């Protein structure tokens, strides 16, 4: 299994902008409900990132490509950057707003 290292973030930033906005919204929601603390064994930031990524990958149509497709040619930043170019307009057919994505995310969690 590939590890998605934080060094890849600059490489995949073009396709992660929406994920970033949804993550910030989810993190604020989790903090407001006191469920964003790894020391209390609730949702830590990495778990929120992965849940948001999964949500965006499973929308109809998907908004975020599978990480396996991004990392299929290698885990080095050059290969990741090259792979990301193939996903430039990935998810563009999905017309859900950030609010709709947030609400569908909460529904998926329940």
N, C-alpha and C. Protein backbone atom coordinates (compact mmCIF):
# COMPACT_ATOMS: atom_id res chain seq x y z
N UNK A 1 0.85 -1.19 0.00
CA UNK A 1 0.00 0.00 0.00
C UNK A 1 0.89 1.24 0.00
N UNK A 2 0.51 2.21 -0.80
CA UNK A 2 1.28 3.45 -0.89
C UNK A 2 0.99 4.35 0.30
N UNK A 3 1.98 5.08 0.70
CA UNK A 3 1.78 6.12 1.72
C UNK A 3 1.68 7.45 1.01
N UNK A 4 0.69 8.22 1.38
CA UNK A 4 0.52 9.55 0.80
C UNK A 4 1.22 10.52 1.73
N UNK A 5 2.44 10.90 1.39
CA UNK A 5 3.25 11.75 2.25
C UNK A 5 2.91 13.22 2.03
N UNK A 6 3.10 14.02 3.06
CA UNK A 6 2.80 15.44 2.95
C UNK A 6 3.69 16.14 1.94
N UNK A 7 4.82 15.53 1.55
CA UNK A 7 5.66 16.14 0.52
C UNK A 7 4.95 16.16 -0.82
N UNK A 8 3.89 15.37 -0.98
CA UNK A 8 3.16 15.34 -2.24
C UNK A 8 2.15 16.48 -2.37
N UNK A 9 1.84 17.12 -1.27
CA UNK A 9 0.79 18.14 -1.31
C UNK A 9 1.05 19.20 -2.38
N UNK A 10 2.27 19.77 -2.48
CA UNK A 10 2.48 20.75 -3.56
C UNK A 10 2.27 20.15 -4.95
N UNK A 11 2.53 18.86 -5.12
CA UNK A 11 2.36 18.22 -6.42
C UNK A 11 0.90 18.05 -6.79
N UNK A 12 0.08 17.74 -5.82
CA UNK A 12 -1.33 17.46 -6.09
C UNK A 12 -2.25 18.62 -5.75
N UNK A 13 -1.67 19.73 -5.34
CA UNK A 13 -2.47 20.88 -4.92
C UNK A 13 -3.56 21.26 -5.92
N UNK A 14 -3.28 21.24 -7.23
CA UNK A 14 -4.34 21.65 -8.17
C UNK A 14 -5.62 20.83 -8.05
N UNK A 15 -5.53 19.57 -7.66
CA UNK A 15 -6.74 18.76 -7.57
C UNK A 15 -7.24 18.64 -6.13
N UNK A 16 -6.56 19.28 -5.19
CA UNK A 16 -6.96 19.19 -3.79
C UNK A 16 -7.60 20.46 -3.24
N UNK A 17 -7.82 21.44 -4.07
CA UNK A 17 -8.35 22.72 -3.57
C UNK A 17 -9.71 22.52 -2.90
N UNK A 18 -10.62 21.83 -3.56
CA UNK A 18 -11.94 21.59 -2.97
C UNK A 18 -11.82 20.75 -1.70
N UNK A 19 -10.95 19.74 -1.74
CA UNK A 19 -10.76 18.91 -0.55
C UNK A 19 -10.28 19.77 0.62
N UNK A 20 -9.41 20.72 0.35
CA UNK A 20 -8.90 21.61 1.40
C UNK A 20 -10.04 22.43 2.02
N UNK A 21 -10.89 23.00 1.19
CA UNK A 21 -12.01 23.78 1.72
C UNK A 21 -12.95 22.91 2.55
N UNK A 22 -13.26 21.71 2.05
CA UNK A 22 -14.16 20.82 2.78
C UNK A 22 -13.50 20.35 4.07
N UNK A 23 -12.19 20.09 4.03
CA UNK A 23 -11.47 19.69 5.24
C UNK A 23 -11.53 20.79 6.30
N UNK A 24 -11.30 22.03 5.89
CA UNK A 24 -11.34 23.15 6.84
C UNK A 24 -12.73 23.26 7.47
N UNK A 25 -13.76 23.10 6.64
CA UNK A 25 -15.13 23.16 7.15
C UNK A 25 -15.40 22.00 8.11
N UNK A 26 -14.96 20.79 7.75
CA UNK A 26 -15.18 19.62 8.61
C UNK A 26 -14.40 19.74 9.91
N UNK A 27 -13.18 20.24 9.85
CA UNK A 27 -12.37 20.39 11.06
C UNK A 27 -13.02 21.40 12.01
N UNK A 28 -13.53 22.49 11.47
CA UNK A 28 -14.21 23.48 12.30
C UNK A 28 -15.47 22.87 12.93
N UNK A 29 -16.21 22.09 12.15
CA UNK A 29 -17.40 21.42 12.68
C UNK A 29 -17.02 20.44 13.78
N UNK A 30 -15.97 19.65 13.55
CA UNK A 30 -15.53 18.66 14.54
C UNK A 30 -15.06 19.34 15.83
N UNK A 31 -14.33 20.44 15.69
CA UNK A 31 -13.89 21.18 16.88
C UNK A 31 -15.08 21.75 17.65
N UNK A 32 -16.05 22.28 16.94
CA UNK A 32 -17.23 22.86 17.58
C UNK A 32 -18.04 21.82 18.34
N UNK A 33 -17.90 20.55 17.91
CA UNK A 33 -18.63 19.46 18.57
C UNK A 33 -17.72 18.62 19.46
N UNK A 34 -16.53 19.14 19.76
CA UNK A 34 -15.56 18.46 20.64
C UNK A 34 -15.25 17.03 20.21
N UNK A 35 -15.10 16.83 18.90
CA UNK A 35 -14.72 15.50 18.42
C UNK A 35 -13.48 15.58 17.52
N UNK A 36 -12.59 16.52 17.81
CA UNK A 36 -11.35 16.66 17.04
C UNK A 36 -10.17 16.67 18.00
N UNK A 37 -9.92 15.53 18.64
CA UNK A 37 -8.82 15.43 19.60
C UNK A 37 -8.31 14.00 19.64
N UNK A 38 -7.11 13.79 19.13
CA UNK A 38 -6.57 12.43 19.16
C UNK A 38 -6.31 11.96 20.59
N UNK A 39 -5.98 12.88 21.49
CA UNK A 39 -5.73 12.47 22.89
C UNK A 39 -7.01 11.97 23.55
N UNK A 40 -8.16 12.46 23.07
CA UNK A 40 -9.45 11.98 23.59
C UNK A 40 -10.01 10.83 22.75
N UNK A 41 -9.20 10.36 21.81
CA UNK A 41 -9.57 9.25 20.92
C UNK A 41 -10.79 9.57 20.06
N UNK A 42 -10.83 10.79 19.59
CA UNK A 42 -11.86 11.18 18.63
C UNK A 42 -11.17 11.39 17.29
N UNK A 43 -11.78 12.13 16.39
CA UNK A 43 -11.22 12.32 15.05
C UNK A 43 -10.00 13.25 15.08
N UNK A 44 -8.86 12.74 14.64
CA UNK A 44 -7.70 13.62 14.49
C UNK A 44 -7.71 14.19 13.07
N UNK A 45 -6.81 15.10 12.79
CA UNK A 45 -6.80 15.78 11.49
C UNK A 45 -6.59 14.81 10.33
N UNK A 46 -5.71 13.83 10.49
CA UNK A 46 -5.47 12.87 9.41
C UNK A 46 -6.73 12.07 9.11
N UNK A 47 -7.45 11.67 10.14
CA UNK A 47 -8.68 10.90 9.89
C UNK A 47 -9.70 11.77 9.16
N UNK A 48 -9.78 13.04 9.48
CA UNK A 48 -10.72 13.93 8.78
C UNK A 48 -10.30 14.08 7.32
N UNK A 49 -9.00 14.24 7.07
CA UNK A 49 -8.50 14.35 5.69
C UNK A 49 -8.87 13.11 4.89
N UNK A 50 -8.65 11.94 5.47
CA UNK A 50 -8.94 10.69 4.76
C UNK A 50 -10.44 10.50 4.54
N UNK A 51 -11.25 10.87 5.51
CA UNK A 51 -12.69 10.78 5.34
C UNK A 51 -13.18 11.73 4.25
N UNK A 52 -12.65 12.94 4.22
CA UNK A 52 -13.02 13.91 3.19
C UNK A 52 -12.59 13.39 1.81
N UNK A 53 -11.38 12.86 1.72
CA UNK A 53 -10.89 12.32 0.44
C UNK A 53 -11.80 11.18 -0.02
N UNK A 54 -12.15 10.27 0.88
CA UNK A 54 -13.03 9.16 0.53
C UNK A 54 -14.38 9.69 0.04
N UNK A 55 -14.90 10.68 0.72
CA UNK A 55 -16.19 11.26 0.33
C UNK A 55 -16.11 11.83 -1.09
N UNK A 56 -15.06 12.57 -1.38
CA UNK A 56 -14.92 13.18 -2.71
C UNK A 56 -14.65 12.14 -3.79
N UNK A 57 -14.03 11.03 -3.42
CA UNK A 57 -13.76 9.96 -4.38
C UNK A 57 -15.01 9.12 -4.67
N UNK A 58 -16.00 9.16 -3.79
CA UNK A 58 -17.18 8.30 -3.96
C UNK A 58 -18.43 9.08 -4.36
N UNK A 59 -18.28 10.35 -4.71
CA UNK A 59 -19.43 11.12 -5.22
C UNK A 59 -19.76 10.63 -6.62
N UNK A 60 -20.96 10.94 -7.08
CA UNK A 60 -21.39 10.59 -8.43
C UNK A 60 -21.63 11.87 -9.20
N UNK A 61 -20.78 12.26 -10.12
CA UNK A 61 -19.48 11.69 -10.47
C UNK A 61 -18.42 12.06 -9.43
N UNK A 62 -17.36 11.27 -9.37
CA UNK A 62 -16.31 11.54 -8.38
C UNK A 62 -15.62 12.88 -8.62
N UNK A 63 -15.15 13.47 -7.52
CA UNK A 63 -14.48 14.76 -7.59
C UNK A 63 -12.96 14.60 -7.46
N UNK A 64 -12.55 13.63 -6.70
CA UNK A 64 -11.12 13.39 -6.45
C UNK A 64 -10.77 12.00 -6.97
N UNK A 65 -9.68 11.87 -7.74
CA UNK A 65 -9.30 10.55 -8.25
C UNK A 65 -8.76 9.67 -7.13
N UNK A 66 -8.78 8.36 -7.33
CA UNK A 66 -8.20 7.46 -6.33
C UNK A 66 -6.70 7.74 -6.17
N UNK A 67 -6.23 7.66 -4.94
CA UNK A 67 -4.80 7.88 -4.70
C UNK A 67 -3.95 6.86 -5.45
N UNK A 68 -4.48 5.64 -5.63
CA UNK A 68 -3.73 4.61 -6.35
C UNK A 68 -3.45 5.05 -7.79
N UNK A 69 -4.38 5.78 -8.39
CA UNK A 69 -4.17 6.28 -9.76
C UNK A 69 -3.12 7.38 -9.79
N UNK A 70 -3.10 8.20 -8.76
CA UNK A 70 -2.11 9.28 -8.68
C UNK A 70 -0.71 8.71 -8.46
N UNK A 71 -0.62 7.62 -7.72
CA UNK A 71 0.68 7.05 -7.36
C UNK A 71 1.08 5.85 -8.22
N UNK A 72 0.33 5.56 -9.28
CA UNK A 72 0.58 4.34 -10.05
C UNK A 72 1.94 4.30 -10.74
N UNK A 73 2.50 5.43 -11.09
CA UNK A 73 3.80 5.46 -11.76
C UNK A 73 4.96 5.70 -10.81
N UNK A 74 4.68 5.75 -9.53
CA UNK A 74 5.74 5.95 -8.54
C UNK A 74 5.34 6.95 -7.49
N UNK A 75 6.05 6.90 -6.39
CA UNK A 75 5.75 7.77 -5.25
C UNK A 75 6.63 9.01 -5.20
N UNK A 76 7.60 9.11 -6.08
CA UNK A 76 8.48 10.27 -6.06
C UNK A 76 7.71 11.49 -6.57
N UNK A 77 8.05 12.67 -6.07
CA UNK A 77 7.31 13.88 -6.46
C UNK A 77 7.21 14.12 -7.96
N UNK A 78 8.24 13.77 -8.72
CA UNK A 78 8.20 13.99 -10.17
C UNK A 78 7.12 13.13 -10.81
N UNK A 79 7.05 11.86 -10.42
CA UNK A 79 6.02 10.96 -10.96
C UNK A 79 4.63 11.41 -10.55
N UNK A 80 4.49 11.85 -9.31
CA UNK A 80 3.19 12.31 -8.82
C UNK A 80 2.76 13.56 -9.58
N UNK A 81 3.68 14.50 -9.78
CA UNK A 81 3.37 15.72 -10.52
C UNK A 81 2.91 15.38 -11.94
N UNK A 82 3.60 14.43 -12.57
CA UNK A 82 3.26 14.02 -13.93
C UNK A 82 1.87 13.37 -13.96
N UNK A 83 1.59 12.53 -12.99
CA UNK A 83 0.28 11.86 -12.92
C UNK A 83 -0.85 12.85 -12.68
N UNK A 84 -0.60 13.85 -11.87
CA UNK A 84 -1.63 14.84 -11.55
C UNK A 84 -2.07 15.60 -12.80
N UNK A 85 -1.15 15.80 -13.73
CA UNK A 85 -1.51 16.49 -14.97
C UNK A 85 -2.64 15.76 -15.70
N UNK A 86 -2.69 14.43 -15.57
CA UNK A 86 -3.75 13.65 -16.21
C UNK A 86 -5.12 13.88 -15.57
N UNK A 87 -5.13 14.45 -14.39
CA UNK A 87 -6.37 14.66 -13.66
C UNK A 87 -6.75 16.15 -13.57
N UNK A 88 -6.21 16.95 -14.48
CA UNK A 88 -6.38 18.40 -14.42
C UNK A 88 -7.85 18.82 -14.24
N UNK A 89 -8.74 18.30 -15.01
CA UNK A 89 -10.16 18.67 -14.93
C UNK A 89 -11.00 17.57 -14.30
N UNK A 90 -10.36 16.71 -13.54
CA UNK A 90 -11.07 15.61 -12.90
C UNK A 90 -12.12 16.18 -11.95
N UNK A 91 -13.30 15.67 -12.01
CA UNK A 91 -14.36 16.11 -11.11
C UNK A 91 -15.14 17.31 -11.58
N UNK A 92 -14.78 17.85 -12.73
CA UNK A 92 -15.42 19.08 -13.20
C UNK A 92 -16.90 18.86 -13.52
N UNK A 93 -17.28 17.61 -13.82
CA UNK A 93 -18.69 17.33 -14.13
C UNK A 93 -19.57 17.34 -12.88
N UNK A 94 -18.95 17.23 -11.72
CA UNK A 94 -19.72 17.28 -10.48
C UNK A 94 -20.05 18.73 -10.17
N UNK A 95 -21.31 19.02 -9.99
CA UNK A 95 -21.75 20.41 -9.80
C UNK A 95 -22.19 20.71 -8.37
N UNK A 96 -21.90 19.81 -7.43
CA UNK A 96 -22.30 20.03 -6.05
C UNK A 96 -21.55 21.23 -5.45
N UNK A 97 -22.25 22.01 -4.66
CA UNK A 97 -21.61 23.13 -3.98
C UNK A 97 -20.89 22.62 -2.74
N UNK A 98 -20.08 23.47 -2.15
CA UNK A 98 -19.38 23.11 -0.93
C UNK A 98 -20.39 22.78 0.18
N UNK A 99 -21.46 23.54 0.27
CA UNK A 99 -22.50 23.27 1.26
C UNK A 99 -23.16 21.92 1.05
N UNK A 100 -23.45 21.60 -0.21
CA UNK A 100 -24.05 20.30 -0.52
C UNK A 100 -23.09 19.16 -0.19
N UNK A 101 -21.81 19.35 -0.49
CA UNK A 101 -20.81 18.33 -0.16
C UNK A 101 -20.69 18.15 1.35
N UNK A 102 -20.73 19.25 2.08
CA UNK A 102 -20.65 19.19 3.54
C UNK A 102 -21.84 18.41 4.10
N UNK A 103 -23.04 18.73 3.64
CA UNK A 103 -24.23 18.04 4.13
C UNK A 103 -24.23 16.56 3.75
N UNK A 104 -23.84 16.24 2.52
CA UNK A 104 -23.80 14.84 2.12
C UNK A 104 -22.72 14.08 2.89
N UNK A 105 -21.65 14.77 3.25
CA UNK A 105 -20.59 14.16 4.08
C UNK A 105 -21.15 13.80 5.46
N UNK A 106 -21.89 14.73 6.08
CA UNK A 106 -22.48 14.45 7.38
C UNK A 106 -23.48 13.30 7.30
N UNK A 107 -24.24 13.26 6.23
CA UNK A 107 -25.21 12.16 6.05
C UNK A 107 -24.46 10.84 5.90
N UNK A 108 -23.36 10.85 5.15
CA UNK A 108 -22.58 9.62 4.97
C UNK A 108 -22.02 9.13 6.29
N UNK A 109 -21.67 10.03 7.18
CA UNK A 109 -21.10 9.65 8.48
C UNK A 109 -22.12 9.03 9.41
N UNK A 110 -23.40 9.33 9.20
CA UNK A 110 -24.43 8.83 10.12
C UNK A 110 -24.87 7.43 9.80
